[in-house]
N, C-alpha and C. Protein backbone atom coordinates (compact mmCIF):
# COMPACT_ATOMS: atom_id res chain seq x y z
N ILE A 1 19.13 14.78 -10.06
CA ILE A 1 18.34 14.62 -8.79
C ILE A 1 18.52 15.97 -8.33
N SER A 2 17.03 16.53 -7.74
CA SER A 2 17.19 17.48 -6.97
C SER A 2 17.57 17.58 -5.24
N SER A 3 18.35 18.62 -4.90
CA SER A 3 19.19 18.86 -3.71
C SER A 3 18.35 19.60 -2.55
N VAL A 4 18.06 19.54 -1.82
CA VAL A 4 16.84 20.28 -1.23
C VAL A 4 17.97 20.67 0.34
N TYR A 5 17.67 22.02 0.55
CA TYR A 5 18.44 22.45 1.59
C TYR A 5 17.61 23.32 2.37
N GLU A 6 17.71 23.78 3.69
CA GLU A 6 16.76 24.63 4.60
C GLU A 6 17.40 25.73 5.13
N TRP A 7 16.71 26.75 4.80
CA TRP A 7 16.95 28.28 5.08
C TRP A 7 15.97 28.92 5.70
N LYS A 8 16.32 28.96 7.18
CA LYS A 8 15.27 30.10 8.00
C LYS A 8 14.25 29.30 7.88
N ASN A 9 13.98 27.79 7.87
CA ASN A 9 12.85 27.29 7.94
C ASN A 9 11.95 27.18 6.57
N MET A 10 13.00 27.27 5.40
CA MET A 10 12.30 27.54 4.41
C MET A 10 13.19 26.15 3.18
N GLU A 11 12.16 25.87 2.43
CA GLU A 11 12.73 24.96 1.63
C GLU A 11 13.68 25.49 0.30
N VAL A 12 14.57 25.27 0.23
CA VAL A 12 15.57 25.98 -1.12
C VAL A 12 15.66 24.46 -1.94
N VAL A 13 15.38 24.26 -3.10
CA VAL A 13 15.94 23.34 -3.96
C VAL A 13 16.88 23.78 -4.98
N ASP A 14 17.75 22.87 -5.42
CA ASP A 14 18.72 23.19 -6.20
C ASP A 14 18.20 21.58 -7.20
N THR A 15 18.08 22.39 -8.22
CA THR A 15 17.74 21.37 -9.30
C THR A 15 18.67 20.95 -10.15
N PRO A 16 18.56 20.15 -11.12
CA PRO A 16 19.52 19.53 -12.09
C PRO A 16 19.16 20.41 -13.54
N GLY A 17 18.74 21.58 -13.51
CA GLY A 17 18.86 22.63 -14.45
C GLY A 17 17.53 22.45 -15.42
N ILE A 18 16.97 23.32 -16.31
CA ILE A 18 15.91 23.35 -16.96
C ILE A 18 16.52 23.57 -18.19
N ALA A 19 16.09 22.90 -19.48
CA ALA A 19 16.55 22.95 -21.17
C ALA A 19 18.31 22.41 -21.00
N THR A 20 18.46 21.95 -20.46
CA THR A 20 20.02 21.64 -20.39
C THR A 20 20.51 21.07 -21.60
N GLY A 21 19.63 20.19 -21.99
CA GLY A 21 20.00 19.21 -23.04
C GLY A 21 20.58 17.90 -22.56
N ILE A 22 21.26 17.95 -21.42
CA ILE A 22 22.01 16.84 -20.86
C ILE A 22 21.06 15.31 -20.63
N ARG A 23 20.10 15.54 -20.07
CA ARG A 23 19.04 14.44 -19.88
C ARG A 23 18.05 14.89 -19.81
N VAL A 24 16.99 13.92 -20.67
CA VAL A 24 15.68 14.45 -20.89
C VAL A 24 14.63 14.42 -19.64
N ASP A 25 15.17 13.70 -18.81
CA ASP A 25 14.24 14.00 -17.33
C ASP A 25 14.67 14.99 -16.39
N HIS A 26 15.69 15.89 -16.98
CA HIS A 26 16.03 16.99 -16.04
C HIS A 26 14.79 18.13 -15.91
N ASP A 27 14.22 18.41 -16.94
CA ASP A 27 13.09 19.50 -16.57
C ASP A 27 12.27 18.64 -15.80
N LYS A 28 11.73 17.34 -16.04
CA LYS A 28 10.54 17.14 -15.18
C LYS A 28 11.05 17.19 -13.75
N ILE A 29 12.25 16.59 -13.19
CA ILE A 29 12.72 16.30 -12.11
C ILE A 29 12.53 17.87 -11.65
N ALA A 30 13.31 18.75 -12.42
CA ALA A 30 13.22 20.29 -11.84
C ALA A 30 11.80 20.75 -11.73
N TYR A 31 10.95 20.49 -12.63
CA TYR A 31 9.34 21.18 -12.69
C TYR A 31 8.93 20.45 -11.15
N GLU A 32 9.32 19.57 -11.26
CA GLU A 32 8.49 18.65 -9.72
C GLU A 32 8.78 18.92 -8.51
N ALA A 33 10.04 19.42 -8.55
CA ALA A 33 10.76 19.92 -7.26
C ALA A 33 10.19 21.68 -6.87
N ILE A 34 10.53 22.65 -8.19
CA ILE A 34 10.01 23.59 -8.23
C ILE A 34 8.79 23.82 -7.34
N VAL A 35 7.66 23.28 -7.83
CA VAL A 35 6.37 23.14 -7.51
C VAL A 35 6.23 23.09 -5.77
N LYS A 36 7.06 22.00 -5.45
CA LYS A 36 6.75 22.24 -3.88
C LYS A 36 7.80 22.97 -3.09
N ALA A 37 8.67 23.82 -3.65
CA ALA A 37 9.66 24.89 -3.17
C ALA A 37 9.41 26.01 -2.71
N ASP A 38 9.42 26.25 -1.49
CA ASP A 38 9.21 27.64 -0.77
C ASP A 38 10.30 28.83 -1.34
N LEU A 39 11.34 28.32 -2.12
CA LEU A 39 11.83 29.56 -2.56
C LEU A 39 12.52 28.90 -3.85
N LEU A 40 13.02 29.76 -5.05
CA LEU A 40 13.66 29.52 -6.28
C LEU A 40 14.30 30.28 -6.62
N VAL A 41 15.51 29.76 -6.36
CA VAL A 41 16.78 30.88 -6.83
C VAL A 41 17.12 30.19 -8.27
N PHE A 42 16.92 31.16 -9.13
CA PHE A 42 17.17 31.03 -10.69
C PHE A 42 18.56 31.47 -10.98
N VAL A 43 19.39 31.08 -11.48
CA VAL A 43 20.39 31.21 -11.67
C VAL A 43 20.94 31.55 -13.16
N ILE A 44 21.24 32.86 -13.63
CA ILE A 44 21.62 32.69 -15.01
C ILE A 44 23.03 33.17 -14.80
N THR A 45 23.87 33.71 -16.27
CA THR A 45 25.17 33.96 -16.11
C THR A 45 24.91 35.62 -16.30
N ASN A 46 26.46 35.86 -16.16
CA ASN A 46 26.47 37.53 -16.20
C ASN A 46 26.26 37.76 -17.80
N GLU A 47 25.86 36.85 -18.70
CA GLU A 47 25.67 37.21 -20.25
C GLU A 47 24.02 37.35 -20.30
N LEU A 48 23.21 36.94 -19.20
CA LEU A 48 21.74 37.13 -19.00
C LEU A 48 21.38 36.32 -19.86
N PHE A 49 19.83 36.54 -20.11
CA PHE A 49 19.16 35.36 -20.84
C PHE A 49 19.43 35.13 -21.85
N THR A 50 19.48 33.86 -22.20
CA THR A 50 19.10 33.36 -24.17
C THR A 50 17.65 33.20 -24.11
N PRO A 51 17.07 33.17 -25.21
CA PRO A 51 15.76 33.45 -25.67
C PRO A 51 15.09 32.02 -24.77
N MET A 52 15.49 31.09 -25.07
CA MET A 52 15.06 29.82 -24.43
C MET A 52 15.10 29.95 -22.74
N ILE A 53 16.09 30.23 -22.37
CA ILE A 53 15.72 30.23 -20.81
C ILE A 53 15.35 31.54 -20.49
N PHE A 54 15.01 32.66 -20.90
CA PHE A 54 13.82 33.36 -20.56
C PHE A 54 12.44 33.17 -20.77
N GLU A 55 12.24 32.08 -21.74
CA GLU A 55 10.89 31.57 -21.95
C GLU A 55 10.59 30.74 -21.00
N ASN A 56 11.35 29.94 -19.93
CA ASN A 56 11.53 28.87 -18.97
C ASN A 56 11.23 29.77 -17.33
N PHE A 57 12.37 30.98 -17.81
CA PHE A 57 11.71 31.91 -16.29
C PHE A 57 10.47 32.61 -16.38
N LYS A 58 10.14 33.03 -17.76
CA LYS A 58 8.52 33.50 -17.69
C LYS A 58 7.82 32.42 -17.34
N LYS A 59 7.78 31.03 -17.70
CA LYS A 59 6.97 29.95 -17.16
C LYS A 59 6.84 29.71 -15.95
N LEU A 60 8.28 29.66 -15.49
CA LEU A 60 8.18 29.41 -13.76
C LEU A 60 7.66 30.70 -12.91
N ALA A 61 8.03 31.97 -13.12
CA ALA A 61 7.23 32.71 -12.77
C ALA A 61 5.97 33.31 -12.86
N TYR A 62 5.47 32.75 -13.93
CA TYR A 62 3.68 33.30 -14.02
C TYR A 62 3.01 32.02 -14.47
N ASP A 63 3.44 30.99 -15.37
CA ASP A 63 2.80 29.98 -16.04
C ASP A 63 2.88 28.66 -15.81
N LEU A 64 2.91 28.01 -14.40
CA LEU A 64 3.66 26.92 -14.48
C LEU A 64 2.40 26.15 -14.05
N GLU A 65 2.25 24.95 -14.70
CA GLU A 65 1.12 24.26 -14.77
C GLU A 65 1.38 22.99 -13.87
N VAL A 66 0.40 22.60 -12.84
CA VAL A 66 0.54 22.03 -11.91
C VAL A 66 -0.36 20.75 -12.30
N ASP A 67 0.57 19.73 -12.31
CA ASP A 67 0.71 18.46 -12.44
C ASP A 67 -0.40 18.02 -13.42
N GLY A 68 -0.08 18.51 -14.66
CA GLY A 68 -1.11 18.34 -15.75
C GLY A 68 -2.26 19.01 -15.96
N SER A 69 -2.97 19.14 -14.97
CA SER A 69 -4.03 19.86 -14.80
C SER A 69 -3.89 21.48 -15.59
N ASN A 70 -4.99 21.83 -15.70
CA ASN A 70 -5.17 23.07 -16.32
C ASN A 70 -4.84 24.71 -15.70
N ILE A 71 -4.50 24.23 -14.17
CA ILE A 71 -4.38 25.54 -13.19
C ILE A 71 -3.04 25.82 -13.08
N LYS A 72 -2.75 26.66 -13.51
CA LYS A 72 -1.47 27.34 -13.42
C LYS A 72 -1.37 28.32 -12.41
N TYR A 73 -0.38 28.57 -12.08
CA TYR A 73 0.10 29.63 -11.08
C TYR A 73 1.86 30.34 -11.27
N GLY A 74 2.30 31.18 -10.75
CA GLY A 74 3.40 31.32 -11.13
C GLY A 74 4.19 31.32 -9.32
N LYS A 75 5.42 31.35 -9.68
CA LYS A 75 6.74 31.32 -8.53
C LYS A 75 7.33 32.72 -7.91
N ALA A 76 6.55 33.64 -9.05
CA ALA A 76 7.07 35.16 -9.04
C ALA A 76 7.60 35.99 -7.44
N ASN A 77 6.23 35.31 -6.51
CA ASN A 77 6.66 35.99 -5.27
C ASN A 77 7.52 34.66 -4.54
N GLU A 78 8.17 33.77 -4.82
CA GLU A 78 8.99 33.11 -4.03
C GLU A 78 9.90 32.70 -5.13
N MET A 79 10.78 33.59 -5.72
CA MET A 79 11.48 33.70 -6.60
C MET A 79 12.65 34.40 -6.41
N ILE A 80 14.08 34.54 -6.53
CA ILE A 80 15.28 35.25 -6.20
C ILE A 80 15.71 35.03 -7.71
N LEU A 81 16.19 35.85 -8.56
CA LEU A 81 17.38 35.83 -9.35
C LEU A 81 18.20 36.43 -9.33
N VAL A 82 19.27 35.20 -9.71
CA VAL A 82 20.97 35.44 -9.22
C VAL A 82 21.72 35.65 -10.47
N VAL A 83 22.48 36.45 -10.46
CA VAL A 83 23.17 36.44 -11.86
C VAL A 83 24.72 36.05 -11.08
N ASN A 84 25.17 34.94 -11.79
CA ASN A 84 26.58 34.64 -11.47
C ASN A 84 27.77 34.73 -12.49
N LYS A 85 28.80 34.33 -12.03
CA LYS A 85 30.05 34.48 -12.87
C LYS A 85 30.15 36.04 -13.17
N MET A 86 30.32 36.79 -12.04
CA MET A 86 30.14 38.37 -12.38
C MET A 86 31.87 38.45 -12.18
N GLU A 87 32.68 37.82 -12.12
CA GLU A 87 34.06 38.18 -11.63
C GLU A 87 34.31 38.77 -13.30
N ARG A 88 33.58 38.20 -14.36
CA ARG A 88 34.13 38.09 -15.45
C ARG A 88 33.97 39.68 -16.28
N ILE A 89 33.37 40.50 -15.35
CA ILE A 89 32.92 41.84 -15.73
C ILE A 89 33.09 42.71 -14.42
N GLY A 90 33.08 41.95 -13.29
CA GLY A 90 34.06 42.96 -11.96
C GLY A 90 32.34 43.01 -11.31
N ASN A 91 32.38 42.65 -10.24
CA ASN A 91 31.05 42.50 -9.45
C ASN A 91 31.17 43.80 -8.51
N THR A 92 30.61 44.71 -9.14
CA THR A 92 30.79 46.51 -8.81
C THR A 92 29.57 46.52 -8.60
N SER A 93 29.15 47.60 -8.00
CA SER A 93 27.49 48.22 -7.77
C SER A 93 27.29 48.58 -9.06
N ASP A 94 28.27 49.43 -9.97
CA ASP A 94 28.05 49.88 -11.13
C ASP A 94 27.73 48.79 -12.25
N LYS A 95 28.38 48.00 -12.28
CA LYS A 95 27.83 46.71 -12.97
C LYS A 95 26.88 46.05 -12.95
N GLN A 96 26.65 45.90 -11.45
CA GLN A 96 25.31 45.38 -10.72
C GLN A 96 23.95 45.99 -11.40
N LYS A 97 24.14 47.45 -11.15
CA LYS A 97 23.53 48.35 -11.60
C LYS A 97 22.86 48.43 -12.63
N MET A 98 24.18 48.21 -13.99
CA MET A 98 23.67 48.24 -15.28
C MET A 98 23.06 46.83 -15.78
N LEU A 99 22.99 45.71 -15.07
CA LEU A 99 22.88 44.45 -15.26
C LEU A 99 21.22 44.39 -15.25
N ARG A 100 21.22 45.24 -13.83
CA ARG A 100 19.72 44.85 -12.80
C ARG A 100 18.92 45.65 -14.13
N GLU A 101 19.21 47.04 -14.46
CA GLU A 101 18.67 47.86 -15.49
C GLU A 101 18.30 47.10 -16.81
N GLU A 102 19.20 46.18 -17.48
CA GLU A 102 18.97 45.35 -18.47
C GLU A 102 18.01 44.59 -18.23
N LEU A 103 18.21 43.58 -16.95
CA LEU A 103 17.26 42.79 -17.03
C LEU A 103 15.55 43.55 -16.69
N TYR A 104 15.41 44.26 -16.16
CA TYR A 104 14.33 45.15 -16.16
C TYR A 104 13.81 44.98 -17.55
N ARG A 105 14.51 45.84 -18.30
CA ARG A 105 14.01 46.10 -19.46
C ARG A 105 14.02 45.15 -20.58
N SER A 106 14.59 43.84 -20.17
CA SER A 106 14.17 42.94 -21.12
C SER A 106 12.86 41.58 -20.64
N GLY A 107 12.35 42.29 -19.44
CA GLY A 107 10.81 41.76 -19.34
C GLY A 107 10.89 41.52 -17.64
N VAL A 108 12.08 41.42 -16.79
CA VAL A 108 12.31 40.98 -15.72
C VAL A 108 11.14 41.79 -14.96
N PRO A 109 10.40 41.31 -13.71
CA PRO A 109 9.44 42.32 -13.08
C PRO A 109 10.17 42.91 -11.99
N GLN A 110 9.93 43.69 -11.52
CA GLN A 110 10.76 44.61 -10.50
C GLN A 110 10.63 44.24 -9.13
N ASN A 111 9.57 43.61 -8.96
CA ASN A 111 9.40 43.19 -7.64
C ASN A 111 10.14 41.63 -7.49
N ILE A 112 10.85 41.21 -8.63
CA ILE A 112 11.84 39.84 -8.27
C ILE A 112 13.24 40.46 -7.77
N ALA A 113 13.48 39.96 -6.65
CA ALA A 113 14.78 39.76 -6.09
C ALA A 113 15.61 39.56 -6.96
N ILE A 114 17.14 40.37 -7.11
CA ILE A 114 18.13 40.25 -7.66
C ILE A 114 19.35 40.14 -6.89
N GLY A 115 20.11 39.22 -7.16
CA GLY A 115 21.35 39.00 -6.37
C GLY A 115 22.62 38.97 -7.21
N PHE A 116 23.63 39.48 -7.13
CA PHE A 116 24.79 39.03 -7.94
C PHE A 116 26.24 38.54 -7.40
N VAL A 117 26.92 37.33 -7.97
CA VAL A 117 27.52 36.35 -7.35
C VAL A 117 28.76 35.73 -8.20
N ASP A 118 29.68 35.39 -7.67
CA ASP A 118 30.52 34.89 -8.47
C ASP A 118 30.90 33.33 -7.60
N ALA A 119 30.20 32.44 -7.92
CA ALA A 119 30.55 31.42 -7.05
C ALA A 119 31.95 30.61 -7.07
N GLN A 120 32.75 31.11 -8.29
CA GLN A 120 33.93 30.10 -8.22
C GLN A 120 34.88 31.00 -7.37
N SER A 121 34.80 32.55 -7.17
CA SER A 121 35.58 33.38 -6.35
C SER A 121 35.47 32.40 -4.99
N TYR A 122 33.91 32.29 -4.33
CA TYR A 122 34.15 32.01 -3.08
C TYR A 122 34.47 30.41 -2.93
N VAL A 123 34.57 29.68 -3.95
CA VAL A 123 34.90 28.28 -3.60
C VAL A 123 36.60 28.10 -3.77
N ASP A 124 36.94 29.18 -4.52
CA ASP A 124 38.51 29.69 -4.46
C ASP A 124 39.05 30.12 -3.07
N SER A 125 38.02 30.69 -2.30
CA SER A 125 38.71 31.61 -1.01
C SER A 125 38.85 29.95 -0.03
N TRP A 126 38.13 29.20 -0.53
CA TRP A 126 38.12 27.79 0.83
C TRP A 126 39.66 27.21 0.82
N ASN A 127 40.19 27.49 -0.41
CA ASN A 127 41.45 27.04 -0.38
C ASN A 127 43.07 27.80 -0.25
N GLU A 128 42.23 29.19 -0.13
CA GLU A 128 43.40 30.32 0.11
C GLU A 128 44.03 30.29 1.53
N ASP A 129 45.32 30.19 1.64
CA ASP A 129 45.67 30.37 2.88
C ASP A 129 46.15 31.54 3.45
N ASP A 130 46.08 32.67 2.53
CA ASP A 130 46.55 33.80 2.56
C ASP A 130 45.46 35.02 2.79
N GLN A 131 45.00 35.20 4.59
CA GLN A 131 43.70 35.83 4.72
C GLN A 131 43.27 36.90 4.06
N GLU A 132 44.47 37.93 3.90
CA GLU A 132 43.97 39.13 2.96
C GLU A 132 43.18 38.22 1.46
N VAL A 133 44.19 37.56 1.12
CA VAL A 133 43.56 37.33 -0.63
C VAL A 133 41.85 36.37 -0.11
N LYS A 134 42.11 35.64 0.92
CA LYS A 134 40.81 35.06 0.86
C LYS A 134 39.69 35.97 1.23
N GLU A 135 39.97 36.97 1.81
CA GLU A 135 39.03 37.67 2.15
C GLU A 135 38.35 38.50 0.81
N GLU A 136 39.41 39.19 0.33
CA GLU A 136 39.28 39.61 -1.05
C GLU A 136 38.24 38.84 -2.21
N LEU A 137 38.49 37.20 -2.35
CA LEU A 137 37.65 36.47 -3.08
C LEU A 137 36.26 36.21 -2.48
N VAL A 138 36.07 36.51 -0.78
CA VAL A 138 34.89 36.20 -0.37
C VAL A 138 33.75 37.31 -0.72
N GLU A 139 34.85 38.59 -0.76
CA GLU A 139 34.12 40.04 -1.30
C GLU A 139 33.48 40.05 -2.51
N SER A 140 34.47 39.72 -3.42
CA SER A 140 34.26 39.78 -4.86
C SER A 140 33.00 38.63 -5.29
N SER A 141 33.33 37.94 -4.49
CA SER A 141 32.18 36.54 -4.37
C SER A 141 30.62 37.12 -4.34
N GLY A 142 30.46 38.12 -3.87
CA GLY A 142 29.02 38.51 -3.47
C GLY A 142 28.60 37.75 -2.78
N HIS A 143 29.19 36.63 -1.69
CA HIS A 143 28.62 35.58 -0.79
C HIS A 143 27.64 36.17 0.33
N ILE A 144 28.43 37.47 0.77
CA ILE A 144 27.46 38.11 2.13
C ILE A 144 26.62 38.79 1.52
N ASN A 145 26.62 39.73 0.26
CA ASN A 145 25.15 40.29 0.08
C ASN A 145 24.27 38.97 -0.24
N PHE A 146 24.80 37.75 -0.78
CA PHE A 146 23.72 36.77 -1.04
C PHE A 146 22.88 36.47 0.09
N ILE A 147 23.65 36.31 1.04
CA ILE A 147 23.29 35.53 2.21
C ILE A 147 22.00 36.64 2.71
N ASN A 148 22.61 37.87 2.72
CA ASN A 148 21.85 39.25 3.26
C ASN A 148 20.45 39.28 2.17
N LEU A 149 20.76 38.73 1.14
CA LEU A 149 19.24 38.39 0.11
C LEU A 149 18.51 37.54 0.80
N LEU A 150 19.29 36.58 0.83
CA LEU A 150 17.92 35.19 1.55
C LEU A 150 18.01 35.76 2.59
N ASN A 151 18.08 36.16 3.72
CA ASN A 151 17.43 36.53 4.71
C ASN A 151 16.49 37.20 4.67
N SER A 152 16.67 38.44 3.92
CA SER A 152 15.88 39.17 3.36
C SER A 152 14.49 38.71 2.80
N PHE A 153 14.77 37.84 2.10
CA PHE A 153 13.80 36.93 1.63
C PHE A 153 12.74 36.30 2.63
N ALA A 154 13.66 35.32 3.49
CA ALA A 154 12.88 34.46 4.64
C ALA A 154 12.44 35.69 5.40
N GLU A 155 13.03 36.31 5.72
CA GLU A 155 11.88 37.45 6.71
C GLU A 155 10.75 38.18 6.22
N SER A 156 10.66 38.22 5.08
CA SER A 156 9.63 38.86 4.38
C SER A 156 8.23 37.73 3.93
N LYS A 157 9.05 36.58 3.28
CA LYS A 157 8.35 35.56 3.09
C LYS A 157 7.94 34.78 3.85
N GLY A 158 9.10 34.08 5.14
CA GLY A 158 9.23 32.99 5.45
C GLY A 158 8.02 32.53 5.99
N LEU A 159 7.04 33.78 6.74
CA LEU A 159 5.61 32.77 7.80
C LEU A 159 4.79 32.45 6.43
N LYS A 160 4.59 33.51 5.52
CA LYS A 160 3.47 32.93 4.53
C LYS A 160 4.04 31.79 4.04
N ALA A 161 5.46 31.68 3.57
CA ALA A 161 5.89 30.29 2.69
C ALA A 161 5.31 28.92 3.60
N LYS A 162 5.58 29.23 4.95
CA LYS A 162 5.26 28.02 5.75
C LYS A 162 3.94 27.55 5.77
N ALA A 163 3.08 28.75 5.08
CA ALA A 163 1.48 28.68 5.18
C ALA A 163 1.17 27.78 3.70
N ILE A 164 2.08 28.34 2.51
CA ILE A 164 1.95 28.11 1.22
C ILE A 164 2.46 26.92 0.93
N SER A 165 3.19 26.22 1.19
CA SER A 165 4.05 25.23 0.87
C SER A 165 2.96 23.94 1.36
N PRO A 166 2.71 23.51 2.72
CA PRO A 166 2.02 23.00 2.99
C PRO A 166 0.34 22.40 2.01
N LEU A 167 -0.34 23.84 1.79
CA LEU A 167 -1.32 24.12 0.74
C LEU A 167 -0.76 23.76 -0.40
N LYS A 168 0.37 24.09 -1.04
CA LYS A 168 0.60 23.52 -2.44
C LYS A 168 0.66 21.78 -2.63
N ASN A 169 1.17 21.24 -1.55
CA ASN A 169 1.40 20.02 -1.43
C ASN A 169 -0.07 19.25 -1.70
N LEU A 170 -0.95 20.06 -0.91
CA LEU A 170 -2.24 19.81 -0.58
C LEU A 170 -3.15 19.55 -2.19
N GLN A 171 -2.86 20.61 -2.46
CA GLN A 171 -3.26 20.98 -4.23
C GLN A 171 -3.03 20.16 -4.93
N ASP A 172 -1.43 19.65 -4.81
CA ASP A 172 -1.21 18.68 -5.90
C ASP A 172 -1.74 17.37 -5.71
N TYR A 173 -2.00 16.99 -4.56
CA TYR A 173 -2.53 15.70 -4.02
C TYR A 173 -4.02 15.64 -4.68
N ILE A 174 -4.66 16.74 -4.22
CA ILE A 174 -6.09 16.85 -4.79
C ILE A 174 -6.44 16.84 -6.15
N TYR A 175 -5.65 17.58 -7.04
CA TYR A 175 -5.58 17.30 -8.59
C TYR A 175 -5.00 15.65 -8.84
N LYS A 176 -4.32 14.94 -8.02
CA LYS A 176 -4.00 13.77 -8.65
C LYS A 176 -5.18 12.73 -8.40
N VAL A 177 -6.16 13.16 -7.08
CA VAL A 177 -7.29 12.46 -7.02
C VAL A 177 -8.39 13.01 -7.93
N ILE A 178 -8.48 13.94 -8.17
CA ILE A 178 -9.38 14.33 -9.42
C ILE A 178 -9.24 13.84 -10.68
N ASN A 179 -8.00 13.58 -11.13
CA ASN A 179 -7.44 12.77 -12.33
C ASN A 179 -7.90 11.46 -12.22
N ILE A 180 -7.77 10.70 -11.05
CA ILE A 180 -7.94 9.58 -10.56
C ILE A 180 -9.58 9.47 -10.97
N VAL A 181 -10.34 10.44 -10.49
CA VAL A 181 -12.04 10.31 -10.51
C VAL A 181 -12.54 10.21 -11.99
N GLU A 182 -12.00 11.44 -12.35
CA GLU A 182 -12.07 12.04 -14.03
C GLU A 182 -11.77 10.48 -15.01
N ALA A 183 -10.96 9.83 -14.29
CA ALA A 183 -10.72 8.25 -15.28
C ALA A 183 -12.11 7.53 -15.93
N PRO A 184 -11.93 7.14 -16.91
CA PRO A 184 -13.23 6.13 -16.79
C PRO A 184 -13.53 5.61 -15.94
N LEU A 185 -14.98 5.27 -15.87
CA LEU A 185 -15.54 4.99 -14.63
C LEU A 185 -15.80 3.26 -14.36
N ASP A 186 -14.98 2.69 -15.66
CA ASP A 186 -14.87 1.07 -15.53
C ASP A 186 -13.32 0.97 -14.71
N ASP A 187 -12.94 1.86 -14.36
CA ASP A 187 -11.53 1.61 -13.98
C ASP A 187 -12.08 1.63 -12.13
N PRO A 188 -11.54 0.42 -11.61
CA PRO A 188 -11.57 0.45 -10.39
C PRO A 188 -11.33 1.45 -9.32
N LYS A 189 -10.22 1.89 -9.30
CA LYS A 189 -9.89 3.15 -8.57
C LYS A 189 -10.27 4.22 -8.54
N ALA A 190 -11.34 4.64 -9.46
CA ALA A 190 -11.93 5.90 -10.07
C ALA A 190 -13.30 5.49 -9.07
N GLU A 191 -13.59 4.12 -9.26
CA GLU A 191 -14.71 3.82 -8.70
C GLU A 191 -14.92 4.19 -7.17
N LYS A 192 -13.58 3.79 -6.59
CA LYS A 192 -13.30 3.32 -5.12
C LYS A 192 -12.97 5.08 -4.88
N THR A 193 -12.62 6.20 -5.29
CA THR A 193 -12.15 7.12 -5.21
C THR A 193 -13.59 8.16 -4.90
N GLN A 194 -13.92 7.78 -5.89
CA GLN A 194 -15.71 8.41 -6.05
C GLN A 194 -16.68 7.65 -4.79
N GLN A 195 -16.53 6.72 -4.31
CA GLN A 195 -17.20 6.44 -3.52
C GLN A 195 -16.49 7.27 -1.89
N LEU A 196 -15.24 7.07 -2.00
CA LEU A 196 -14.21 7.59 -0.56
C LEU A 196 -14.84 9.12 -0.77
N LEU A 197 -14.74 9.81 -2.01
CA LEU A 197 -15.33 11.31 -1.61
C LEU A 197 -16.54 11.50 -1.30
């Protein structure tokens, strides 16, 4: 199941993942939610892309099919790429720079925002009683930089996203109607829809 969060009047969707192999319906659930989202946060680990995950990333960024139609578009302008588990190698600016350059070399477009986090460090900070250790965990988690990245994205894309999301929802509905209309004419739904149109 997808979880939807609001951030600065934008919908952020946490999907069950893509190509996980855990459940057959995960991909379908994920793609349905992604089509409607204002912001897609695509998360990978510090090991970066496997070939299969990179193919899914490219599909989302450039070649997303809308509701079985032949109309395709991409979410590249509504996407943040997040590298998680940075504590494995150290969440330093040097390591971030190295990974960012490696991502660009692998084919990630330079217009996609990239963030670096260690979610486990942030979660560990919740139960830490020592204030100094807690602050160190939050700092190494990259949480503040991630929030700043979200805020920056929302500032630059927020107004546009407010207009785009309803239009995409309308577009989805129109494609569903078109599929009904293109159904065989002996289908009563198709005949009624044609009359209505």
